[in-house]
Protein backbone atom coordinates (compact mmCIF):
# COMPACT_ATOMS: atom_id res chain seq x y z
CA MET A 1 99.72 120.17 108.22
CA ALA A 2 99.44 123.94 108.59
CA THR A 3 102.39 126.17 107.87
CA SER A 4 102.74 129.30 109.95
CA VAL A 5 104.07 132.52 108.49
CA LYS A 6 105.72 135.09 110.70
CA LEU A 7 104.37 138.47 109.64
CA SER A 8 107.67 140.23 110.41
CA ASP A 9 109.34 137.92 107.87
CA VAL A 10 107.01 139.34 105.20
CA PHE A 11 106.71 143.02 106.17
CA MET A 12 109.24 145.66 107.25
CA ASN A 13 106.35 147.99 108.15
CA VAL A 14 102.57 147.81 107.82
CA SER A 15 99.70 150.15 107.04
CA GLU A 16 97.52 151.42 109.88
CA SER A 17 94.60 149.14 109.03
CA VAL A 18 93.87 145.48 108.40
CA THR A 19 90.78 143.83 106.95
CA ILE A 20 89.33 140.80 108.69
CA ASN A 21 86.72 138.65 106.97
CA ARG A 22 84.81 135.86 108.70
CA TYR A 23 83.58 132.90 106.67
CA GLU A 24 81.69 129.71 107.46
CA ASN A 25 84.92 127.71 107.60
CA GLY A 26 87.54 130.22 108.75
CA TRP A 27 89.01 133.69 108.59
CA MET A 28 90.90 135.83 106.09
CA VAL A 29 93.09 138.74 107.19
CA GLU A 30 94.42 141.22 104.63
CA VAL A 31 97.52 143.28 105.46
CA SER A 32 99.37 145.90 103.41
CA GLY A 33 102.80 147.40 103.89
CA ASN A 34 106.38 147.45 102.69
CA ASP A 35 108.40 144.27 102.41
CA HIS A 36 112.10 144.08 103.25
CA ASP A 37 112.96 145.29 99.72
CA ASP A 38 110.81 148.40 100.40
CA SER A 39 108.21 147.29 97.82
CA TRP A 40 104.52 147.78 98.61
CA GLN A 41 102.75 144.48 99.23
CA ASN A 42 99.15 143.49 99.88
CA LYS A 43 98.87 139.99 101.35
CA LYS A 44 95.95 137.82 102.42
CA PHE A 45 96.32 135.23 105.17
CA ILE A 46 93.85 132.40 105.80
CA PHE A 47 93.17 130.96 109.27
CA SER A 48 90.87 128.22 110.48
CA ASP A 49 90.30 129.48 114.03
CA LEU A 50 89.88 132.73 115.95
CA LYS A 51 92.75 132.06 118.35
CA THR A 52 95.22 132.04 115.47
CA VAL A 53 93.72 135.27 114.08
CA LEU A 54 94.16 136.97 117.44
CA THR A 55 97.78 135.80 117.68
CA PHE A 56 98.36 137.13 114.16
CA ILE A 57 96.84 140.53 115.06
CA GLU A 58 99.00 140.68 118.18
CA GLU A 59 102.08 140.19 115.98
CA TYR A 60 100.77 142.85 113.55
CA SER A 61 100.54 145.33 116.43
CA LYS A 62 104.27 144.96 117.11
CA ILE A 63 105.42 145.88 113.59
CA LYS A 64 106.32 149.48 112.80
CA LEU A 65 103.64 151.50 110.99
CA ASN A 66 104.61 153.14 107.71
């Protein structure tokens, strides 16, 4: 069973860029920004399908840029 992570639960603000990697069996999205303790974080998220990646990027676009 997949567990979904809400990006706004991880980051208070995000950097202006993300990295998206496509693999044979899925996708990896790397996001950087400040967490809710104002510490810089760099996180990687793994997805099995493009639809989930697009939903994730839509959520990313709603978080304040740092």
